[in-house]
Protein backbone atom coordinates (compact mmCIF):
# COMPACT_ATOMS: atom_id res chain seq x y z
CA MET A 1 70.22 23.18 105.98
CA SER A 2 68.19 23.23 103.07
CA VAL A 3 65.22 20.62 103.26
CA ALA A 4 66.30 18.91 99.78
CA PHE A 5 68.98 16.90 101.59
CA THR A 6 66.42 15.57 104.68
CA LYS A 7 63.59 13.53 104.57
CA GLU A 8 61.21 16.66 105.87
CA GLU A 9 58.49 16.86 103.20
CA SER A 10 58.44 20.80 102.85
CA ALA A 11 60.34 24.19 104.48
CA GLU A 12 57.32 24.18 106.54
CA THR A 13 57.91 20.71 107.91
CA ALA A 14 61.35 21.39 108.37
CA SER A 15 60.04 25.18 110.48
CA GLU A 16 58.24 23.27 112.30
CA THR A 17 60.80 21.20 113.86
CA LEU A 18 62.84 23.27 114.22
CA LEU A 19 62.21 25.26 117.22
CA PRO A 20 63.96 27.68 119.51
CA ASP A 21 65.09 27.27 122.52
CA ARG A 22 62.85 28.66 125.18
CA PRO A 23 64.68 32.43 126.89
CA ILE A 24 66.29 31.31 129.99
CA SER A 25 66.29 34.50 132.33
CA SER A 26 69.65 36.20 133.61
CA HIS A 27 67.85 36.03 136.76
CA PRO A 28 68.77 34.18 139.55
CA ASN A 29 66.55 30.99 139.55
CA LEU A 30 64.89 31.22 142.88
CA VAL A 31 62.15 29.26 143.73
CA THR A 32 59.62 28.12 146.56
CA VAL A 33 59.61 24.71 147.41
CA GLY A 34 55.75 24.03 145.50
CA GLY A 35 57.91 25.90 142.65
CA LEU A 36 60.62 23.08 142.24
CA LYS A 37 57.60 20.63 142.55
CA ALA A 38 55.75 22.24 139.52
CA LEU A 39 59.19 22.78 137.30
CA GLU A 40 59.32 18.64 138.22
CA ALA A 41 56.07 17.94 137.31
CA GLN A 42 56.12 20.11 134.21
CA LEU A 43 59.57 18.37 132.86
CA LYS A 44 57.94 14.71 133.38
CA ALA A 45 54.98 15.92 131.62
CA ALA A 46 57.29 16.97 128.41
CA GLN A 47 59.04 14.17 128.66
CA GLU A 48 56.11 11.99 128.37
CA ALA A 49 54.57 14.04 125.84
CA TYR A 50 58.12 13.72 123.85
CA ALA A 51 57.57 10.32 124.40
CA ASN A 52 54.49 9.26 123.04
CA SER A 53 55.46 11.41 119.95
CA GLN A 54 57.88 9.10 119.19
CA LYS A 55 55.72 6.68 119.02
CA ILE A 56 54.13 7.69 115.60
CA ASP A 57 55.14 5.87 112.63
CA ASP A 58 55.05 8.99 110.36
CA VAL A 59 58.25 10.65 110.30
CA ASN A 60 57.19 13.74 109.66
CA GLU A 61 54.24 13.92 111.82
CA ARG A 62 56.61 12.61 114.99
CA ARG A 63 59.24 15.51 113.76
CA ARG A 64 56.03 17.99 114.19
CA GLN A 65 54.20 16.57 117.29
CA GLY A 66 57.79 15.81 119.10
CA ALA A 67 58.85 19.39 118.59
CA LEU A 68 56.98 21.17 121.63
CA PRO A 69 57.81 18.27 124.07
CA LEU A 70 61.42 18.41 122.97
CA ARG A 71 62.25 22.62 123.82
CA ASP A 72 60.11 21.91 126.69
CA VAL A 73 62.18 19.02 127.91
CA ARG A 74 65.43 21.42 127.34
CA TYR A 75 63.91 24.48 129.05
CA PHE A 76 62.80 22.51 132.22
CA ALA A 77 65.79 20.33 132.85
CA GLU A 78 67.87 23.87 132.49
CA ARG A 79 65.59 25.45 135.17
CA LEU A 80 66.12 22.52 137.44
CA ARG A 81 69.51 22.30 136.83
CA THR A 82 69.87 26.03 137.87
CA ALA A 83 66.84 26.63 140.77
CA GLN A 84 67.78 27.61 143.86
CA VAL A 85 65.27 26.50 146.70
CA VAL A 86 64.68 29.62 149.00
CA PRO A 87 62.81 28.42 152.66
CA GLU A 88 59.53 29.86 153.54
CA PRO A 89 60.02 33.46 155.38
CA THR A 90 60.91 33.30 159.09
CA THR A 91 59.39 36.34 159.96
CA LEU A 92 56.71 38.88 159.12
CA ALA A 93 58.60 41.62 159.91
CA SER A 94 59.06 42.63 155.82
CA VAL A 95 58.24 41.78 152.78
CA GLY A 96 60.70 39.07 151.18
CA PHE A 97 60.78 35.91 148.96
CA GLY A 98 58.23 33.55 149.48
CA SER A 99 56.13 36.49 151.41
CA THR A 100 52.15 37.33 150.86
CA VAL A 101 51.66 41.31 151.03
CA THR A 102 48.37 42.83 150.90
CA PHE A 103 48.35 46.78 149.92
CA ARG A 104 46.34 49.76 149.35
CA ARG A 105 46.94 51.88 146.57
CA ASP A 106 45.61 55.50 146.73
CA ASP A 107 42.54 54.80 144.59
CA GLY A 108 41.37 52.63 147.22
CA ARG A 109 42.11 49.13 145.67
CA ILE A 110 43.37 46.32 147.85
CA GLN A 111 45.13 43.72 146.35
CA THR A 112 47.16 40.55 147.87
CA TYR A 113 50.22 38.79 146.23
CA ARG A 114 52.45 36.73 146.81
CA ILE A 115 56.10 37.15 145.92
CA VAL A 116 57.51 33.63 144.18
CA GLY A 117 60.08 33.12 141.33
CA GLU A 118 59.57 33.50 137.70
CA ASP A 119 58.15 30.39 136.33
CA GLU A 120 56.04 30.15 139.12
CA ALA A 121 54.22 33.84 138.68
CA ASP A 122 50.78 33.86 137.74
CA PRO A 123 48.79 36.93 138.61
CA LYS A 124 45.68 35.90 137.84
CA LYS A 125 46.44 33.49 140.92
CA GLY A 126 47.82 35.90 143.56
CA MET A 127 51.75 35.16 142.34
CA ILE A 128 54.52 37.77 141.06
CA SER A 129 57.77 37.22 140.05
CA PHE A 130 60.16 38.72 142.48
CA VAL A 131 61.93 40.93 139.38
CA SER A 132 58.88 42.37 138.75
CA PRO A 133 58.62 46.00 139.19
CA ILE A 134 56.36 46.01 142.27
CA ALA A 135 57.85 43.46 144.15
CA ARG A 136 60.96 44.76 144.22
CA LEU A 137 59.28 48.04 145.48
CA LEU A 138 57.46 45.92 148.02
CA MET A 139 60.52 43.52 149.07
CA GLY A 140 61.94 44.80 152.50
CA LYS A 141 58.93 47.26 153.03
CA SER A 142 57.34 46.82 156.24
CA VAL A 143 53.46 46.86 156.96
CA GLY A 144 52.45 50.82 157.10
CA ASP A 145 55.39 51.39 154.62
CA VAL A 146 54.16 53.40 151.44
CA ILE A 147 55.77 53.34 148.06
CA GLU A 148 55.79 55.11 145.15
CA ALA A 149 54.83 53.22 141.76
CA SER A 150 53.89 54.41 138.74
CA GLY A 151 52.91 57.64 139.95
CA GLN A 152 50.57 56.33 143.05
CA GLU A 153 50.87 55.89 146.33
CA ILE A 154 50.82 52.08 147.81
CA GLU A 155 50.68 51.10 151.39
CA VAL A 156 51.94 47.87 152.41
CA VAL A 157 48.72 46.77 154.88
CA ALA A 158 49.86 43.04 155.95
CA ILE A 159 52.41 40.63 155.34
CA SER A 160 51.48 36.78 156.18
């Protein structure tokens, strides 16, 4: 829509208030119990940020400040609507969703990751998405199993 028919001051202001939706993964929205709670908290924070933005008197600034939280509200509401809570693993016999797996690379590095949902994933905190390449290779493996990944051998050394 042309900005000539809106109350925004410029095309720049209009583009700042019409943010595209955050992309939604085509994978099932599997989450841990903690991941579900995190989604709920993120939705609440986005709703509060949007509500606060609506208290701004200047219409252009209100729209600008509300654009990002409103986009996040739509995203987190959809992620909560489609969330499928996966219970904690009941066995340590093989790697599954929610498992924490320790593996050794052939260069001697040892790494530990918990396999979680896409929105929970944060490799710096030791959590990787179940759809990540390494997680997909590790799923179903047991202690002692060796897999090939990116030209390296990886051995599962512990599951918790």
